């Protein structure tokens, strides 16, 4: 078997592992009460963590056998695999708009990554490294705060997913830096970068877990899948000297691909917003419920209701669990 074929198989299996992890995370988020970022007491969630780790390991192995220009676009297939897997194993089918958005996001991202060239591997200088770390913390913090300001649960989830994508993308940058500077003679020489890398990876995992609450599977997963490599590629273009292939024509094509990917994310978000409006009970699950003893305003019922029955219960009976 040729190394190129091995790389393709490993990349596809990695995408399937990431898709399975996302499905498990979404189910855990739907079943959990409150805004749970780390459901550590749920053994199913740890299965999702293991699947994410498996996907990352397979992705690294694929890079050992094949070029980055092949492995990265294949990783964008995660969202395409996730939708039929969710329908098959979780009984959650996606509509035409969701499929159209998923395909647009995948095609746009794959095209963008395939146009991104590569420069000679080099470590990130210390000053730029810590400026990047500080800037990442600021961006993630702003997105986290914005997610708790918006009123719609779907928009909140997409913003949290974007913050997770930023964390994962910068974690990839630090992974590249550690890989370039690591030597067998001093395995812990880059312990500060390893610490930052671990913190970013954990932050991304927790934010992605929170993003699945109230927004279904497709929109948060597509957001993480697109934002992660785009952020990493942007850092590569600005700090590592990477360029787009084919000069000016490649740059224009990359802009078009980015627009297509963004359009796919917008379609996925609007599709979920429309679904939330059709099912207000789902979209309003985070709204506070009236407690026992708290007054509840009931508006007037328009028109005549000759057969309307109202059941009154005492406070003692209604307060029992």
Protein backbone atom coordinates (compact mmCIF):
# COMPACT_ATOMS: atom_id res chain seq x y z
CA UNK A 1 0.00 0.00 0.00
CA UNK A 2 1.41 3.38 -1.01
CA UNK A 3 2.11 6.03 1.65
CA UNK A 4 -0.33 8.38 -0.10
CA UNK A 5 -3.16 5.85 0.17
CA UNK A 6 -2.31 5.23 3.84
CA UNK A 7 -2.50 8.98 4.45
CA UNK A 8 -5.92 9.20 2.79
CA UNK A 9 -7.31 6.27 4.82
CA UNK A 10 -5.95 7.66 8.09
CA UNK A 11 -7.40 11.10 7.29
CA UNK A 12 -10.85 9.67 6.55
CA UNK A 13 -10.87 7.54 9.71
CA UNK A 14 -9.74 10.60 11.67
CA UNK A 15 -12.67 12.60 10.30
CA UNK A 16 -15.06 9.78 11.26
CA UNK A 17 -13.63 9.74 14.80
CA UNK A 18 -14.08 13.51 15.13
CA UNK A 19 -17.65 13.21 13.78
CA UNK A 20 -18.50 10.45 16.25
CA UNK A 21 -17.05 12.52 19.10
CA UNK A 22 -19.19 15.50 18.08
CA UNK A 23 -22.34 13.35 18.01
CA UNK A 24 -21.62 12.05 21.51
CA UNK A 25 -20.89 15.56 22.79
CA UNK A 26 -24.15 16.87 21.35
CA UNK A 27 -26.16 14.08 22.97
CA UNK A 28 -24.47 14.68 26.32
CA UNK A 29 -25.19 18.42 26.03
CA UNK A 30 -28.84 17.78 25.17
CA UNK A 31 -29.28 15.48 28.17
CA UNK A 32 -27.39 17.62 30.69
CA UNK A 33 -29.17 20.26 32.73
CA UNK A 34 -27.81 23.80 32.97
CA UNK A 35 -24.81 25.20 31.10
CA UNK A 36 -22.42 22.32 31.65
CA UNK A 37 -18.91 22.88 30.32
CA UNK A 38 -17.28 19.75 31.74
CA UNK A 39 -19.70 16.89 32.52
CA UNK A 40 -16.89 14.89 34.10
CA UNK A 41 -19.32 12.66 35.98
CA UNK A 42 -20.82 11.41 32.74
CA UNK A 43 -18.85 8.40 31.45
CA UNK A 44 -20.29 8.91 27.97
CA UNK A 45 -18.57 12.29 27.77
CA UNK A 46 -15.21 10.64 28.44
CA UNK A 47 -15.91 8.47 25.43
CA UNK A 48 -16.16 11.64 23.37
CA UNK A 49 -12.85 12.82 24.81
CA UNK A 50 -11.21 9.54 23.79
CA UNK A 51 -12.69 9.79 20.29
CA UNK A 52 -11.31 13.33 19.95
CA UNK A 53 -7.90 12.06 21.06
CA UNK A 54 -8.10 9.22 18.55
CA UNK A 55 -8.99 11.65 15.77
CA UNK A 56 -6.04 13.87 16.65
CA UNK A 57 -3.64 10.90 16.75
CA UNK A 58 -4.83 9.63 13.38
CA UNK A 59 -4.52 13.14 11.93
CA UNK A 60 -0.89 13.37 13.07
CA UNK A 61 -0.21 9.88 11.67
CA UNK A 62 -1.74 10.90 8.34
CA UNK A 63 0.62 13.88 8.19
CA UNK A 64 3.53 11.48 8.61
CA UNK A 65 2.52 9.62 5.44
CA UNK A 66 1.09 12.36 3.26
CA UNK A 67 1.41 16.08 2.50
CA UNK A 68 -0.40 18.76 4.48
CA UNK A 69 -2.16 19.93 1.28
CA UNK A 70 -3.95 16.54 1.16
CA UNK A 71 -4.53 15.76 4.83
CA UNK A 72 -6.00 19.13 5.87
CA UNK A 73 -8.74 19.28 3.20
CA UNK A 74 -9.77 15.68 3.97
CA UNK A 75 -10.15 16.68 7.61
CA UNK A 76 -12.86 19.10 6.52
CA UNK A 77 -15.09 16.10 5.75
CA UNK A 78 -15.93 15.78 9.45
CA UNK A 79 -19.19 17.69 9.13
CA UNK A 80 -20.23 15.69 6.04
CA UNK A 81 -19.67 12.41 7.90
CA UNK A 82 -21.40 13.69 11.04
CA UNK A 83 -24.81 14.34 9.48
CA UNK A 84 -25.53 10.83 8.14
CA UNK A 85 -23.94 9.27 11.24
CA UNK A 86 -26.25 11.34 13.46
CA UNK A 87 -29.25 10.23 11.39
CA UNK A 88 -28.17 6.57 11.50
CA UNK A 89 -27.12 6.22 15.14
CA UNK A 90 -29.00 9.03 16.91
CA UNK A 91 -32.12 9.36 14.74
CA UNK A 92 -31.48 13.07 14.10
CA UNK A 93 -31.99 13.85 10.44
CA UNK A 94 -30.80 17.04 8.77
CA UNK A 95 -32.91 18.99 6.31
CA UNK A 96 -31.91 20.23 2.87
CA UNK A 97 -30.73 23.59 4.17
CA UNK A 98 -28.44 21.95 6.72
CA UNK A 99 -27.00 19.62 4.10
CA UNK A 100 -26.48 22.48 1.67
CA UNK A 101 -24.73 24.51 4.34
CA UNK A 102 -22.57 21.55 5.39
CA UNK A 103 -21.49 20.86 1.81
CA UNK A 104 -20.75 24.54 1.18
CA UNK A 105 -18.68 24.81 4.36
CA UNK A 106 -16.75 21.64 3.54
CA UNK A 107 -16.07 22.51 -0.10
CA UNK A 108 -15.06 26.07 0.75
CA UNK A 109 -12.75 24.96 3.55
CA UNK A 110 -11.19 22.16 1.50
CA UNK A 111 -10.52 24.56 -1.35
CA UNK A 112 -9.03 27.14 1.01
CA UNK A 113 -6.72 24.62 2.65
CA UNK A 114 -5.64 23.14 -0.67
CA UNK A 115 -4.55 26.60 -1.82
CA UNK A 116 -2.48 27.26 1.29
CA UNK A 117 1.19 26.64 0.59
CA UNK A 118 3.82 25.70 3.11
CA UNK A 119 7.10 27.28 4.10
CA UNK A 120 10.13 25.69 5.71
CA UNK A 121 9.29 24.60 9.25
CA UNK A 122 10.58 27.08 11.79
CA UNK A 123 9.89 27.80 15.47
CA UNK A 124 7.87 30.78 16.55
CA UNK A 125 10.11 33.38 18.26
CA UNK A 126 9.61 33.82 22.00
CA UNK A 127 8.22 37.36 21.84
CA UNK A 128 5.74 36.56 19.08
CA UNK A 129 4.84 33.35 20.87
CA UNK A 130 3.69 35.11 24.03
CA UNK A 131 2.03 37.93 22.12
CA UNK A 132 0.09 35.28 20.23
CA UNK A 133 -0.83 33.58 23.51
CA UNK A 134 -2.04 36.86 25.03
CA UNK A 135 -3.99 37.78 21.90
CA UNK A 136 -5.63 34.36 21.81
CA UNK A 137 -6.69 34.68 25.43
CA UNK A 138 -8.20 38.09 24.71
CA UNK A 139 -10.11 36.89 21.64
CA UNK A 140 -11.44 33.78 23.39
CA UNK A 141 -12.43 35.86 26.41
CA UNK A 142 -14.30 38.39 24.26
CA UNK A 143 -16.14 35.64 22.40
CA UNK A 144 -16.98 33.90 25.68
CA UNK A 145 -18.41 37.14 27.10
CA UNK A 146 -20.33 37.85 23.90
CA UNK A 147 -21.84 34.36 23.98
CA UNK A 148 -23.39 35.12 27.37
CA UNK A 149 -24.78 38.45 26.21
CA UNK A 150 -26.77 37.26 23.18
CA UNK A 151 -30.28 36.09 23.92
CA UNK A 152 -30.66 33.34 21.32
CA UNK A 153 -29.29 29.95 22.33
CA UNK A 154 -28.29 29.14 18.74
CA UNK A 155 -26.21 32.29 18.34
CA UNK A 156 -24.66 31.69 21.75
CA UNK A 157 -23.66 28.20 20.70
CA UNK A 158 -22.14 29.36 17.41
CA UNK A 159 -20.08 32.02 19.21
CA UNK A 160 -18.86 29.45 21.73
CA UNK A 161 -17.97 27.14 18.84
CA UNK A 162 -15.99 29.97 17.22
CA UNK A 163 -14.09 30.47 20.48
CA UNK A 164 -13.37 26.72 20.56
CA UNK A 165 -12.12 26.88 16.98
CA UNK A 166 -9.77 29.73 17.86
CA UNK A 167 -8.38 27.72 20.80
CA UNK A 168 -7.88 24.62 18.68
CA UNK A 169 -6.32 26.61 15.84
CA UNK A 170 -3.71 28.29 18.05
CA UNK A 171 -3.08 24.95 19.76
CA UNK A 172 -2.12 23.63 16.32
CA UNK A 173 0.34 26.51 15.94
CA UNK A 174 1.98 25.69 19.27
CA UNK A 175 2.03 22.01 18.31
CA UNK A 176 4.02 22.90 15.20
CA UNK A 177 6.41 25.03 17.25
CA UNK A 178 6.98 22.28 19.82
CA UNK A 179 7.48 19.68 17.08
CA UNK A 180 10.16 21.83 15.40
CA UNK A 181 12.08 22.58 18.60
CA UNK A 182 11.74 19.20 20.34
CA UNK A 183 14.93 17.13 20.70
CA UNK A 184 15.41 13.70 22.34
CA UNK A 185 18.20 15.07 24.51
CA UNK A 186 15.95 17.68 26.15
CA UNK A 187 12.36 16.39 25.94
CA UNK A 188 11.00 18.91 28.47
CA UNK A 189 12.84 21.97 27.23
CA UNK A 190 9.60 23.31 25.73
CA UNK A 191 7.53 22.75 28.86
CA UNK A 192 6.05 26.26 28.79
CA UNK A 193 4.81 25.79 25.23
CA UNK A 194 3.50 22.35 26.16
CA UNK A 195 1.63 23.91 29.07
CA UNK A 196 0.07 26.54 26.80
CA UNK A 197 -0.76 23.86 24.23
CA UNK A 198 -2.51 21.74 26.86
CA UNK A 199 -4.46 24.71 28.22
CA UNK A 200 -5.64 25.68 24.72
CA UNK A 201 -6.66 22.11 23.91
CA UNK A 202 -8.66 21.74 27.14
CA UNK A 203 -10.26 25.16 26.67
CA UNK A 204 -11.29 24.24 23.13
CA UNK A 205 -12.75 20.94 24.31
CA UNK A 206 -14.83 22.54 27.08
CA UNK A 207 -16.06 25.38 24.85
CA UNK A 208 -17.02 22.97 22.09
CA UNK A 209 -18.94 20.86 24.62
CA UNK A 210 -20.88 23.94 25.74
CA UNK A 211 -21.55 24.98 22.15
CA UNK A 212 -23.73 21.93 21.47
CA UNK A 213 -26.36 22.91 24.05
CA UNK A 214 -29.43 24.33 22.37
CA UNK A 215 -28.01 24.39 18.83
CA UNK A 216 -28.05 20.80 17.64
CA UNK A 217 -25.06 19.23 15.89
CA UNK A 218 -24.43 20.77 12.48
CA UNK A 219 -23.96 24.49 13.19
CA UNK A 220 -21.49 24.22 16.13
CA UNK A 221 -19.51 21.39 14.51
CA UNK A 222 -19.22 23.22 11.20
CA UNK A 223 -18.12 26.39 12.99
CA UNK A 224 -15.35 24.58 14.88
CA UNK A 225 -14.32 22.67 11.75
CA UNK A 226 -13.97 25.86 9.70
CA UNK A 227 -12.59 28.28 12.30
CA UNK A 228 -9.89 25.90 13.57
CA UNK A 229 -7.84 25.49 10.35
CA UNK A 230 -8.61 29.01 9.14
CA UNK A 231 -7.11 30.51 12.30
CA UNK A 232 -4.08 28.21 12.03
CA UNK A 233 -3.65 29.10 8.36
CA UNK A 234 -3.95 32.82 9.12
CA UNK A 235 -1.16 32.54 11.70
CA UNK A 236 0.91 30.56 9.21
CA UNK A 237 0.46 33.25 6.58
CA UNK A 238 1.36 36.11 8.91
CA UNK A 239 4.02 34.61 11.22
CA UNK A 240 5.51 31.61 9.40
CA UNK A 241 5.82 33.14 5.95
CA UNK A 242 3.38 30.76 4.29
CA UNK A 243 1.65 31.89 1.09
CA UNK A 244 -1.22 30.91 -1.15
CA UNK A 245 -0.37 28.82 -4.17
CA UNK A 246 -0.54 30.26 -7.71
CA UNK A 247 0.16 33.84 -6.68
CA UNK A 248 -2.56 36.44 -7.18
CA UNK A 249 -4.92 33.93 -8.81
CA UNK A 250 -4.56 31.63 -5.80
CA UNK A 251 -5.28 34.50 -3.43
CA UNK A 252 -8.49 35.37 -5.31
CA UNK A 253 -9.53 31.71 -5.35
CA UNK A 254 -8.85 31.48 -1.60
CA UNK A 255 -11.07 34.50 -0.98
CA UNK A 256 -13.84 32.85 -3.01
CA UNK A 257 -13.44 29.60 -1.09
CA UNK A 258 -13.55 31.50 2.20
CA UNK A 259 -16.76 33.20 1.10
CA UNK A 260 -18.32 29.84 0.20
CA UNK A 261 -17.35 28.38 3.59
CA UNK A 262 -18.77 31.42 5.40
CA UNK A 263 -21.98 31.13 3.40
CA UNK A 264 -22.29 27.51 4.49
CA UNK A 265 -21.93 28.49 8.14
CA UNK A 266 -24.58 31.17 7.72
CA UNK A 267 -26.97 28.65 6.15
CA UNK A 268 -26.41 26.20 8.99
CA UNK A 269 -27.00 28.91 11.58
CA UNK A 270 -30.15 30.26 9.94
CA UNK A 271 -31.47 26.72 9.49
CA UNK A 272 -31.07 26.09 13.21
CA UNK A 273 -32.60 29.46 14.07
CA UNK A 274 -35.64 28.59 11.96
CA UNK A 275 -35.90 25.21 13.68
CA UNK A 276 -35.75 26.93 17.08
CA UNK A 277 -38.57 29.28 16.11
CA UNK A 278 -40.67 26.30 15.05
CA UNK A 279 -39.90 24.59 18.38
CA UNK A 280 -39.92 27.30 21.03
CA UNK A 281 -39.90 24.75 23.81
CA UNK A 282 -36.43 23.69 22.72
CA UNK A 283 -35.03 27.14 22.10
CA UNK A 284 -36.29 28.43 25.41
CA UNK A 285 -35.03 25.57 27.56
CA UNK A 286 -32.57 27.90 29.27
CA UNK A 287 -35.28 30.32 30.34
CA UNK A 288 -35.94 30.46 34.08
CA UNK A 289 -39.03 28.59 35.27
CA UNK A 290 -41.43 29.98 37.86
CA UNK A 291 -40.88 28.56 41.32
CA UNK A 292 -43.43 27.44 43.88
CA UNK A 293 -44.95 30.45 45.55
CA UNK A 294 -43.92 32.79 42.74
CA UNK A 295 -46.70 34.66 40.98
CA UNK A 296 -47.29 33.88 37.32
CA UNK A 297 -49.03 36.39 35.06
CA UNK A 298 -51.67 34.87 32.83
CA UNK A 299 -52.93 37.04 30.00
CA UNK A 300 -56.53 37.30 28.96
CA UNK A 301 -57.81 34.61 26.63
CA UNK A 302 -59.29 36.25 23.50
CA UNK A 303 -62.69 35.21 22.34
CA UNK A 304 -65.26 32.98 24.02
CA UNK A 305 -64.23 29.60 25.39
CA UNK A 306 -67.43 27.89 26.65
CA UNK A 307 -65.66 24.57 27.24
CA UNK A 308 -62.43 25.94 28.74
CA UNK A 309 -61.57 24.13 31.96
CA UNK A 310 -59.05 25.36 34.50
CA UNK A 311 -57.58 22.99 37.07
CA UNK A 312 -56.50 24.61 40.33
CA UNK A 313 -54.09 22.83 42.65
CA UNK A 314 -53.06 23.77 46.12
CA UNK A 315 -49.53 25.07 46.66
CA UNK A 316 -48.67 22.02 48.76
CA UNK A 317 -49.58 19.52 46.05
CA UNK A 318 -48.01 21.52 43.19
CA UNK A 319 -44.76 21.91 45.07
CA UNK A 320 -44.08 18.21 45.37
CA UNK A 321 -41.43 16.69 43.11
